[in-house]
PDB file of all heavy atoms in Angstrom:
ATOM      1  N   PRO A   1       2.062  -6.379   4.385  1.00  0.00           N
ATOM      2  CA  PRO A   1       1.860  -4.930   4.265  1.00  0.00           C
ATOM      3  C   PRO A   1       2.753  -4.145   5.232  1.00  0.00           C
ATOM      4  O   PRO A   1       3.021  -4.592   6.329  1.00  0.00           O
ATOM      5  CB  PRO A   1       0.364  -4.745   4.584  1.00  0.00           C
ATOM      6  CG  PRO A   1       0.027  -5.912   5.478  1.00  0.00           C
ATOM      7  CD  PRO A   1       0.893  -7.078   5.017  1.00  0.00           C
ATOM      8  N   LYS A   2       3.095  -2.942   4.743  1.00  0.00           N
ATOM      9  CA  LYS A   2       3.962  -2.081   5.610  1.00  0.00           C
ATOM     10  C   LYS A   2       3.410  -0.646   5.491  1.00  0.00           C
ATOM     11  O   LYS A   2       2.948  -0.233   4.440  1.00  0.00           O
ATOM     12  CB  LYS A   2       5.392  -2.089   5.115  1.00  0.00           C
ATOM     13  CG  LYS A   2       6.135  -3.420   5.395  1.00  0.00           C
ATOM     14  CD  LYS A   2       7.616  -3.315   5.014  1.00  0.00           C
ATOM     15  CE  LYS A   2       8.370  -4.621   5.275  1.00  0.00           C
ATOM     16  NZ  LYS A   2       8.385  -4.880   6.768  1.00  0.00           N
ATOM     17  N   PRO A   3       3.448   0.114   6.579  1.00  0.00           N
ATOM     18  CA  PRO A   3       3.052   1.518   6.532  1.00  0.00           C
ATOM     19  C   PRO A   3       3.929   2.337   5.589  1.00  0.00           C
ATOM     20  O   PRO A   3       5.107   2.008   5.424  1.00  0.00           O
ATOM     21  CB  PRO A   3       3.130   1.978   7.956  1.00  0.00           C
ATOM     22  CG  PRO A   3       3.116   0.698   8.788  1.00  0.00           C
ATOM     23  CD  PRO A   3       3.785  -0.307   7.944  1.00  0.00           C
ATOM     24  N   PHE A   4       3.368   3.370   4.990  1.00  0.00           N
ATOM     25  CA  PHE A   4       4.208   4.264   4.202  1.00  0.00           C
ATOM     26  C   PHE A   4       5.032   5.182   5.155  1.00  0.00           C
ATOM     27  O   PHE A   4       4.645   5.334   6.311  1.00  0.00           O
ATOM     28  CB  PHE A   4       3.327   5.157   3.293  1.00  0.00           C
ATOM     29  CG  PHE A   4       2.553   4.374   2.273  1.00  0.00           C
ATOM     30  CD1 PHE A   4       1.198   4.380   2.256  1.00  0.00           C
ATOM     31  CD2 PHE A   4       3.194   3.628   1.290  1.00  0.00           C
ATOM     32  CE1 PHE A   4       0.445   3.648   1.337  1.00  0.00           C
ATOM     33  CE2 PHE A   4       2.505   2.904   0.335  1.00  0.00           C
ATOM     34  CZ  PHE A   4       1.128   2.956   0.346  1.00  0.00           C
ATOM     35  N   PRO A   5       6.112   5.710   4.623  1.00  0.00           N
ATOM     36  CA  PRO A   5       6.839   6.721   5.434  1.00  0.00           C
ATOM     37  C   PRO A   5       5.946   7.896   5.759  1.00  0.00           C
ATOM     38  O   PRO A   5       4.866   8.080   5.144  1.00  0.00           O
ATOM     39  CB  PRO A   5       7.973   7.154   4.484  1.00  0.00           C
ATOM     40  CG  PRO A   5       8.125   5.995   3.531  1.00  0.00           C
ATOM     41  CD  PRO A   5       6.796   5.416   3.360  1.00  0.00           C
ATOM     42  N   ASP A   6       6.381   8.683   6.725  1.00  0.00           N
ATOM     43  CA  ASP A   6       5.528   9.788   7.264  1.00  0.00           C
ATOM     44  C   ASP A   6       5.021  10.785   6.258  1.00  0.00           C
ATOM     45  O   ASP A   6       4.013  11.362   6.445  1.00  0.00           O
ATOM     46  CB  ASP A   6       6.289  10.473   8.387  1.00  0.00           C
ATOM     47  CG  ASP A   6       5.449  11.479   9.169  1.00  0.00           C
ATOM     48  OD1 ASP A   6       4.378  11.064   9.654  1.00  0.00           O
ATOM     49  OD2 ASP A   6       5.806  12.655   9.244  1.00  0.00           O
ATOM     50  N   ASN A   7       5.837  10.959   5.178  1.00  0.00           N
ATOM     51  CA  ASN A   7       5.486  11.996   4.195  1.00  0.00           C
ATOM     52  C   ASN A   7       4.675  11.471   3.014  1.00  0.00           C
ATOM     53  O   ASN A   7       4.500  12.193   2.030  1.00  0.00           O
ATOM     54  CB  ASN A   7       6.740  12.695   3.681  1.00  0.00           C
ATOM     55  CG  ASN A   7       7.598  11.726   2.848  1.00  0.00           C
ATOM     56  OD1 ASN A   7       7.609  10.481   3.083  1.00  0.00           O
ATOM     57  ND2 ASN A   7       8.366  12.289   1.938  1.00  0.00           N
ATOM     58  N   GLN A   8       4.173  10.207   3.080  1.00  0.00           N
ATOM     59  CA  GLN A   8       3.488   9.571   2.011  1.00  0.00           C
ATOM     60  C   GLN A   8       2.151   8.979   2.447  1.00  0.00           C
ATOM     61  O   GLN A   8       2.111   8.492   3.586  1.00  0.00           O
ATOM     62  CB  GLN A   8       4.331   8.505   1.317  1.00  0.00           C
ATOM     63  CG  GLN A   8       5.616   9.018   0.704  1.00  0.00           C
ATOM     64  CD  GLN A   8       6.543   7.950   0.221  1.00  0.00           C
ATOM     65  OE1 GLN A   8       6.335   6.708   0.557  1.00  0.00           O
ATOM     66  NE2 GLN A   8       7.526   8.279  -0.566  1.00  0.00           N
ATOM     67  N   ALA A   9       1.162   9.033   1.600  1.00  0.00           N
ATOM     68  CA  ALA A   9      -0.133   8.398   1.918  1.00  0.00           C
ATOM     69  C   ALA A   9      -0.969   8.261   0.639  1.00  0.00           C
ATOM     70  O   ALA A   9      -0.699   8.901  -0.350  1.00  0.00           O
ATOM     71  CB  ALA A   9      -0.865   9.204   2.968  1.00  0.00           C
ATOM     72  N   LYS A  10      -1.989   7.398   0.718  1.00  0.00           N
ATOM     73  CA  LYS A  10      -2.985   7.265  -0.361  1.00  0.00           C
ATOM     74  C   LYS A  10      -4.187   8.069  -0.005  1.00  0.00           C
ATOM     75  O   LYS A  10      -4.539   8.244   1.201  1.00  0.00           O
ATOM     76  CB  LYS A  10      -3.338   5.795  -0.521  1.00  0.00           C
ATOM     77  CG  LYS A  10      -2.227   4.955  -1.182  1.00  0.00           C
ATOM     78  CD  LYS A  10      -2.692   3.555  -1.535  1.00  0.00           C
ATOM     79  CE  LYS A  10      -1.629   2.816  -2.321  1.00  0.00           C
ATOM     80  NZ  LYS A  10      -2.081   1.463  -2.737  1.00  0.00           N
ATOM     81  N   LEU A  11      -4.936   8.508  -1.009  1.00  0.00           N
ATOM     82  CA  LEU A  11      -6.114   9.332  -0.803  1.00  0.00           C
ATOM     83  C   LEU A  11      -7.355   8.514  -0.986  1.00  0.00           C
ATOM     84  O   LEU A  11      -7.533   7.864  -2.022  1.00  0.00           O
ATOM     85  CB  LEU A  11      -6.106  10.529  -1.842  1.00  0.00           C
ATOM     86  CG  LEU A  11      -7.320  11.442  -1.801  1.00  0.00           C
ATOM     87  CD1 LEU A  11      -7.408  12.131  -0.450  1.00  0.00           C
ATOM     88  CD2 LEU A  11      -7.215  12.448  -2.936  1.00  0.00           C
ATOM     89  N   VAL A  12      -8.225   8.610  -0.019  1.00  0.00           N
ATOM     90  CA  VAL A  12      -9.575   8.071  -0.080  1.00  0.00           C
ATOM     91  C   VAL A  12     -10.554   9.217   0.018  1.00  0.00           C
ATOM     92  O   VAL A  12     -10.581   9.900   1.038  1.00  0.00           O
ATOM     93  CB  VAL A  12      -9.855   7.009   1.053  1.00  0.00           C
ATOM     94  CG1 VAL A  12     -11.272   6.487   0.958  1.00  0.00           C
ATOM     95  CG2 VAL A  12      -8.858   5.848   0.964  1.00  0.00           C
ATOM     96  N   LYS A  13     -11.331   9.396  -1.019  1.00  0.00           N
ATOM     97  CA  LYS A  13     -12.169  10.607  -1.132  1.00  0.00           C
ATOM     98  C   LYS A  13     -13.468  10.421  -0.378  1.00  0.00           C
ATOM     99  O   LYS A  13     -13.985   9.294  -0.170  1.00  0.00           O
ATOM    100  CB  LYS A  13     -12.458  10.908  -2.581  1.00  0.00           C
ATOM    101  CG  LYS A  13     -11.168  11.243  -3.347  1.00  0.00           C
ATOM    102  CD  LYS A  13     -11.410  11.601  -4.797  1.00  0.00           C
ATOM    103  CE  LYS A  13     -10.088  11.858  -5.507  1.00  0.00           C
ATOM    104  NZ  LYS A  13     -10.301  12.196  -6.942  1.00  0.00           N
ATOM    105  N   ALA A  14     -13.991  11.546   0.055  1.00  0.00           N
ATOM    106  CA  ALA A  14     -15.293  11.537   0.777  1.00  0.00           C
ATOM    107  C   ALA A  14     -16.334  10.807  -0.030  1.00  0.00           C
ATOM    108  O   ALA A  14     -16.467  10.969  -1.240  1.00  0.00           O
ATOM    109  CB  ALA A  14     -15.742  12.989   1.018  1.00  0.00           C
ATOM    110  N   GLY A  15     -17.136   9.942   0.668  1.00  0.00           N
ATOM    111  CA  GLY A  15     -18.176   9.205  -0.026  1.00  0.00           C
ATOM    112  C   GLY A  15     -17.670   7.979  -0.774  1.00  0.00           C
ATOM    113  O   GLY A  15     -18.527   7.346  -1.423  1.00  0.00           O
ATOM    114  N   SER A  16     -16.406   7.692  -0.743  1.00  0.00           N
ATOM    115  CA  SER A  16     -15.883   6.498  -1.452  1.00  0.00           C
ATOM    116  C   SER A  16     -16.610   5.243  -1.053  1.00  0.00           C
ATOM    117  O   SER A  16     -16.994   5.080   0.121  1.00  0.00           O
ATOM    118  CB  SER A  16     -14.367   6.415  -1.253  1.00  0.00           C
ATOM    119  OG  SER A  16     -13.660   7.375  -1.925  1.00  0.00           O
ATOM    120  N   VAL A  17     -16.618   4.305  -2.021  1.00  0.00           N
ATOM    121  CA  VAL A  17     -17.183   2.991  -1.733  1.00  0.00           C
ATOM    122  C   VAL A  17     -16.053   1.996  -1.934  1.00  0.00           C
ATOM    123  O   VAL A  17     -15.277   2.068  -2.895  1.00  0.00           O
ATOM    124  CB  VAL A  17     -18.326   2.703  -2.747  1.00  0.00           C
ATOM    125  CG1 VAL A  17     -18.791   1.243  -2.597  1.00  0.00           C
ATOM    126  CG2 VAL A  17     -19.482   3.636  -2.469  1.00  0.00           C
ATOM    127  N   LEU A  18     -15.907   1.055  -1.035  1.00  0.00           N
ATOM    128  CA  LEU A  18     -14.925  -0.002  -1.108  1.00  0.00           C
ATOM    129  C   LEU A  18     -15.443  -1.141  -2.000  1.00  0.00           C
ATOM    130  O   LEU A  18     -16.584  -1.590  -1.804  1.00  0.00           O
ATOM    131  CB  LEU A  18     -14.557  -0.556   0.246  1.00  0.00           C
ATOM    132  CG  LEU A  18     -13.959   0.445   1.245  1.00  0.00           C
ATOM    133  CD1 LEU A  18     -13.531  -0.266   2.503  1.00  0.00           C
ATOM    134  CD2 LEU A  18     -12.783   1.233   0.661  1.00  0.00           C
ATOM    135  N   LEU A  19     -14.609  -1.567  -2.900  1.00  0.00           N
ATOM    136  CA  LEU A  19     -14.909  -2.767  -3.679  1.00  0.00           C
ATOM    137  C   LEU A  19     -13.936  -3.893  -3.279  1.00  0.00           C
ATOM    138  O   LEU A  19     -12.761  -3.802  -3.496  1.00  0.00           O
ATOM    139  CB  LEU A  19     -14.724  -2.496  -5.188  1.00  0.00           C
ATOM    140  CG  LEU A  19     -14.836  -3.699  -6.113  1.00  0.00           C
ATOM    141  CD1 LEU A  19     -16.261  -4.302  -6.063  1.00  0.00           C
ATOM    142  CD2 LEU A  19     -14.411  -3.339  -7.577  1.00  0.00           C
ATOM    143  N   PHE A  20     -14.439  -4.932  -2.707  1.00  0.00           N
ATOM    144  CA  PHE A  20     -13.680  -6.136  -2.334  1.00  0.00           C
ATOM    145  C   PHE A  20     -13.741  -7.062  -3.556  1.00  0.00           C
ATOM    146  O   PHE A  20     -14.798  -7.480  -3.954  1.00  0.00           O
ATOM    147  CB  PHE A  20     -14.300  -6.855  -1.131  1.00  0.00           C
ATOM    148  CG  PHE A  20     -14.089  -6.221   0.188  1.00  0.00           C
ATOM    149  CD1 PHE A  20     -14.728  -4.987   0.487  1.00  0.00           C
ATOM    150  CD2 PHE A  20     -13.285  -6.827   1.142  1.00  0.00           C
ATOM    151  CE1 PHE A  20     -14.530  -4.444   1.716  1.00  0.00           C
ATOM    152  CE2 PHE A  20     -13.051  -6.257   2.392  1.00  0.00           C
ATOM    153  CZ  PHE A  20     -13.665  -5.042   2.679  1.00  0.00           C
ATOM    154  N   GLN A  21     -12.532  -7.335  -4.100  1.00  0.00           N
ATOM    155  CA  GLN A  21     -12.418  -8.415  -5.096  1.00  0.00           C
ATOM    156  C   GLN A  21     -11.834  -9.628  -4.438  1.00  0.00           C
ATOM    157  O   GLN A  21     -10.664  -9.551  -3.994  1.00  0.00           O
ATOM    158  CB  GLN A  21     -11.564  -7.951  -6.275  1.00  0.00           C
ATOM    159  CG  GLN A  21     -11.366  -8.999  -7.368  1.00  0.00           C
ATOM    160  CD  GLN A  21     -10.192  -8.768  -8.224  1.00  0.00           C
ATOM    161  OE1 GLN A  21      -9.047  -9.068  -7.791  1.00  0.00           O
ATOM    162  NE2 GLN A  21     -10.368  -8.260  -9.459  1.00  0.00           N
ATOM    163  N   LEU A  22     -12.526 -10.759  -4.382  1.00  0.00           N
ATOM    164  CA  LEU A  22     -12.134 -11.881  -3.609  1.00  0.00           C
ATOM    165  C   LEU A  22     -12.024 -13.127  -4.498  1.00  0.00           C
ATOM    166  O   LEU A  22     -12.925 -13.434  -5.234  1.00  0.00           O
ATOM    167  CB  LEU A  22     -13.073 -12.158  -2.463  1.00  0.00           C
ATOM    168  CG  LEU A  22     -13.328 -11.027  -1.500  1.00  0.00           C
ATOM    169  CD1 LEU A  22     -14.743 -10.529  -1.598  1.00  0.00           C
ATOM    170  CD2 LEU A  22     -12.987 -11.427  -0.081  1.00  0.00           C
ATOM    171  N   HIS A  23     -10.893 -13.807  -4.433  1.00  0.00           N
ATOM    172  CA  HIS A  23     -10.679 -15.005  -5.133  1.00  0.00           C
ATOM    173  C   HIS A  23     -10.642 -16.136  -4.109  1.00  0.00           C
ATOM    174  O   HIS A  23      -9.734 -16.228  -3.269  1.00  0.00           O
ATOM    175  CB  HIS A  23      -9.340 -14.975  -5.892  1.00  0.00           C
ATOM    176  CG  HIS A  23      -9.029 -16.221  -6.668  1.00  0.00           C
ATOM    177  ND1 HIS A  23      -7.853 -16.403  -7.322  1.00  0.00           N
ATOM    178  CD2 HIS A  23      -9.746 -17.356  -6.899  1.00  0.00           C
ATOM    179  CE1 HIS A  23      -7.840 -17.657  -7.890  1.00  0.00           C
ATOM    180  NE2 HIS A  23      -8.990 -18.198  -7.640  1.00  0.00           N
ATOM    181  N   TYR A  24     -11.655 -17.044  -4.180  1.00  0.00           N
ATOM    182  CA  TYR A  24     -11.778 -18.116  -3.208  1.00  0.00           C
ATOM    183  C   TYR A  24     -11.361 -19.432  -3.934  1.00  0.00           C
ATOM    184  O   TYR A  24     -11.581 -19.613  -5.116  1.00  0.00           O
ATOM    185  CB  TYR A  24     -13.196 -18.260  -2.702  1.00  0.00           C
ATOM    186  CG  TYR A  24     -13.591 -17.159  -1.756  1.00  0.00           C
ATOM    187  CD1 TYR A  24     -14.526 -16.209  -2.156  1.00  0.00           C
ATOM    188  CD2 TYR A  24     -13.089 -17.113  -0.435  1.00  0.00           C
ATOM    189  CE1 TYR A  24     -14.911 -15.210  -1.264  1.00  0.00           C
ATOM    190  CE2 TYR A  24     -13.476 -16.118   0.414  1.00  0.00           C
ATOM    191  CZ  TYR A  24     -14.429 -15.126  -0.002  1.00  0.00           C
ATOM    192  OH  TYR A  24     -14.734 -14.134   0.865  1.00  0.00           O
ATOM    193  N   THR A  25     -10.847 -20.355  -3.143  1.00  0.00           N
ATOM    194  CA  THR A  25     -10.672 -21.746  -3.601  1.00  0.00           C
ATOM    195  C   THR A  25     -11.434 -22.671  -2.664  1.00  0.00           C
ATOM    196  O   THR A  25     -11.713 -22.242  -1.519  1.00  0.00           O
ATOM    197  CB  THR A  25      -9.200 -22.137  -3.587  1.00  0.00           C
ATOM    198  OG1 THR A  25      -8.627 -21.943  -2.300  1.00  0.00           O
ATOM    199  CG2 THR A  25      -8.417 -21.271  -4.601  1.00  0.00           C
ATOM    200  N   THR A  26     -11.660 -23.872  -3.061  1.00  0.00           N
ATOM    201  CA  THR A  26     -12.394 -24.828  -2.190  1.00  0.00           C
ATOM    202  C   THR A  26     -11.418 -25.673  -1.387  1.00  0.00           C
ATOM    203  O   THR A  26     -10.245 -25.785  -1.706  1.00  0.00           O
ATOM    204  CB  THR A  26     -13.274 -25.763  -3.094  1.00  0.00           C
ATOM    205  OG1 THR A  26     -12.465 -26.391  -4.047  1.00  0.00           O
ATOM    206  CG2 THR A  26     -14.379 -24.926  -3.744  1.00  0.00           C
ATOM    207  N   ALA A  27     -11.956 -26.264  -0.255  1.00  0.00           N
ATOM    208  CA  ALA A  27     -11.110 -26.923   0.707  1.00  0.00           C
ATOM    209  C   ALA A  27     -11.631 -28.304   1.088  1.00  0.00           C
ATOM    210  O   ALA A  27     -11.307 -28.832   2.137  1.00  0.00           O
ATOM    211  CB  ALA A  27     -10.880 -26.055   1.927  1.00  0.00           C
ATOM    212  N   GLY A  28     -12.496 -28.912   0.234  1.00  0.00           N
ATOM    213  CA  GLY A  28     -13.014 -30.229   0.522  1.00  0.00           C
ATOM    214  C   GLY A  28     -14.221 -30.311   1.383  1.00  0.00           C
ATOM    215  O   GLY A  28     -14.842 -31.413   1.510  1.00  0.00           O
ATOM    216  N   LYS A  29     -14.622 -29.250   1.980  1.00  0.00           N
ATOM    217  CA  LYS A  29     -15.840 -29.173   2.753  1.00  0.00           C
ATOM    218  C   LYS A  29     -16.363 -27.752   2.754  1.00  0.00           C
ATOM    219  O   LYS A  29     -15.570 -26.788   2.530  1.00  0.00           O
ATOM    220  CB  LYS A  29     -15.656 -29.660   4.182  1.00  0.00           C
ATOM    221  CG  LYS A  29     -14.680 -28.868   4.975  1.00  0.00           C
ATOM    222  CD  LYS A  29     -14.519 -29.470   6.350  1.00  0.00           C
ATOM    223  CE  LYS A  29     -13.559 -28.606   7.259  1.00  0.00           C
ATOM    224  NZ  LYS A  29     -13.418 -29.182   8.596  1.00  0.00           N
ATOM    225  N   PRO A  30     -17.660 -27.544   2.952  1.00  0.00           N
ATOM    226  CA  PRO A  30     -18.191 -26.161   2.967  1.00  0.00           C
ATOM    227  C   PRO A  30     -17.461 -25.285   3.947  1.00  0.00           C
ATOM    228  O   PRO A  30     -17.140 -25.738   5.057  1.00  0.00           O
ATOM    229  CB  PRO A  30     -19.649 -26.339   3.299  1.00  0.00           C
ATOM    230  CG  PRO A  30     -19.985 -27.728   2.854  1.00  0.00           C
ATOM    231  CD  PRO A  30     -18.726 -28.509   3.158  1.00  0.00           C
ATOM    232  N   GLN A  31     -17.145 -24.044   3.561  1.00  0.00           N
ATOM    233  CA  GLN A  31     -16.494 -23.101   4.458  1.00  0.00           C
ATOM    234  C   GLN A  31     -17.111 -21.704   4.360  1.00  0.00           C
ATOM    235  O   GLN A  31     -17.835 -21.395   3.424  1.00  0.00           O
ATOM    236  CB  GLN A  31     -15.038 -22.960   4.003  1.00  0.00           C
ATOM    237  CG  GLN A  31     -14.255 -24.257   3.952  1.00  0.00           C
ATOM    238  CD  GLN A  31     -13.419 -24.483   5.207  1.00  0.00           C
ATOM    239  OE1 GLN A  31     -13.319 -23.654   6.032  1.00  0.00           O
ATOM    240  NE2 GLN A  31     -12.820 -25.641   5.240  1.00  0.00           N
ATOM    241  N   THR A  32     -16.844 -20.872   5.357  1.00  0.00           N
ATOM    242  CA  THR A  32     -17.299 -19.507   5.305  1.00  0.00           C
ATOM    243  C   THR A  32     -16.146 -18.562   5.476  1.00  0.00           C
ATOM    244  O   THR A  32     -15.122 -18.908   6.024  1.00  0.00           O
ATOM    245  CB  THR A  32     -18.352 -19.205   6.372  1.00  0.00           C
ATOM    246  OG1 THR A  32     -17.735 -19.415   7.674  1.00  0.00           O
ATOM    247  CG2 THR A  32     -19.536 -20.117   6.241  1.00  0.00           C
ATOM    248  N   ASP A  33     -16.314 -17.329   5.006  1.00  0.00           N
ATOM    249  CA  ASP A  33     -15.285 -16.311   5.175  1.00  0.00           C
ATOM    250  C   ASP A  33     -15.940 -14.946   5.340  1.00  0.00           C
ATOM    251  O   ASP A  33     -16.928 -14.624   4.651  1.00  0.00           O
ATOM    252  CB  ASP A  33     -14.364 -16.236   3.956  1.00  0.00           C
ATOM    253  CG  ASP A  33     -13.419 -15.039   3.983  1.00  0.00           C
ATOM    254  OD1 ASP A  33     -12.516 -14.993   4.846  1.00  0.00           O
ATOM    255  OD2 ASP A  33     -13.603 -14.128   3.171  1.00  0.00           O
ATOM    256  N   ALA A  34     -15.388 -14.116   6.173  1.00  0.00           N
ATOM    257  CA  ALA A  34     -15.779 -12.716   6.346  1.00  0.00           C
ATOM    258  C   ALA A  34     -14.454 -11.890   6.454  1.00  0.00           C
ATOM    259  O   ALA A  34     -13.935 -11.653   7.526  1.00  0.00           O
ATOM    260  CB  ALA A  34     -16.615 -12.497   7.520  1.00  0.00           C
ATOM    261  N   THR A  35     -13.943 -11.484   5.292  1.00  0.00           N
ATOM    262  CA  THR A  35     -12.654 -10.786   5.237  1.00  0.00           C
ATOM    263  C   THR A  35     -12.823  -9.318   5.715  1.00  0.00           C
ATOM    264  O   THR A  35     -13.906  -8.725   5.519  1.00  0.00           O
ATOM    265  CB  THR A  35     -12.094 -10.824   3.790  1.00  0.00           C
ATOM    266  OG1 THR A  35     -11.600 -12.130   3.544  1.00  0.00           O
ATOM    267  CG2 THR A  35     -10.960  -9.841   3.577  1.00  0.00           C
ATOM    268  N   THR A  36     -11.771  -8.737   6.289  1.00  0.00           N
ATOM    269  CA  THR A  36     -11.797  -7.392   6.760  1.00  0.00           C
ATOM    270  C   THR A  36     -10.582  -6.625   6.180  1.00  0.00           C
ATOM    271  O   THR A  36      -9.608  -7.268   5.750  1.00  0.00           O
ATOM    272  CB  THR A  36     -11.727  -7.274   8.269  1.00  0.00           C
ATOM    273  OG1 THR A  36     -10.483  -7.882   8.749  1.00  0.00           O
ATOM    274  CG2 THR A  36     -12.870  -7.988   8.936  1.00  0.00           C
ATOM    275  N   ILE A  37     -10.658  -5.307   6.175  1.00  0.00           N
ATOM    276  CA  ILE A  37      -9.509  -4.448   5.895  1.00  0.00           C
ATOM    277  C   ILE A  37      -9.432  -3.411   7.008  1.00  0.00           C
ATOM    278  O   ILE A  37     -10.387  -2.712   7.321  1.00  0.00           O
ATOM    279  CB  ILE A  37      -9.576  -3.765   4.491  1.00  0.00           C
ATOM    280  CG1 ILE A  37      -8.319  -2.948   4.303  1.00  0.00           C
ATOM    281  CG2 ILE A  37     -10.883  -3.000   4.301  1.00  0.00           C
ATOM    282  CD1 ILE A  37      -8.166  -2.504   2.802  1.00  0.00           C
TER     283      ILE A  37
END
């Protein structure tokens, strides 16, 4: 990921809810994950 130039940005509206879509694969033993943004 790279920041946008100074004159560009994305809009997140008041009250927005984040939806995490996560694709997991297995690794041969039980694992845990807590992804952040």
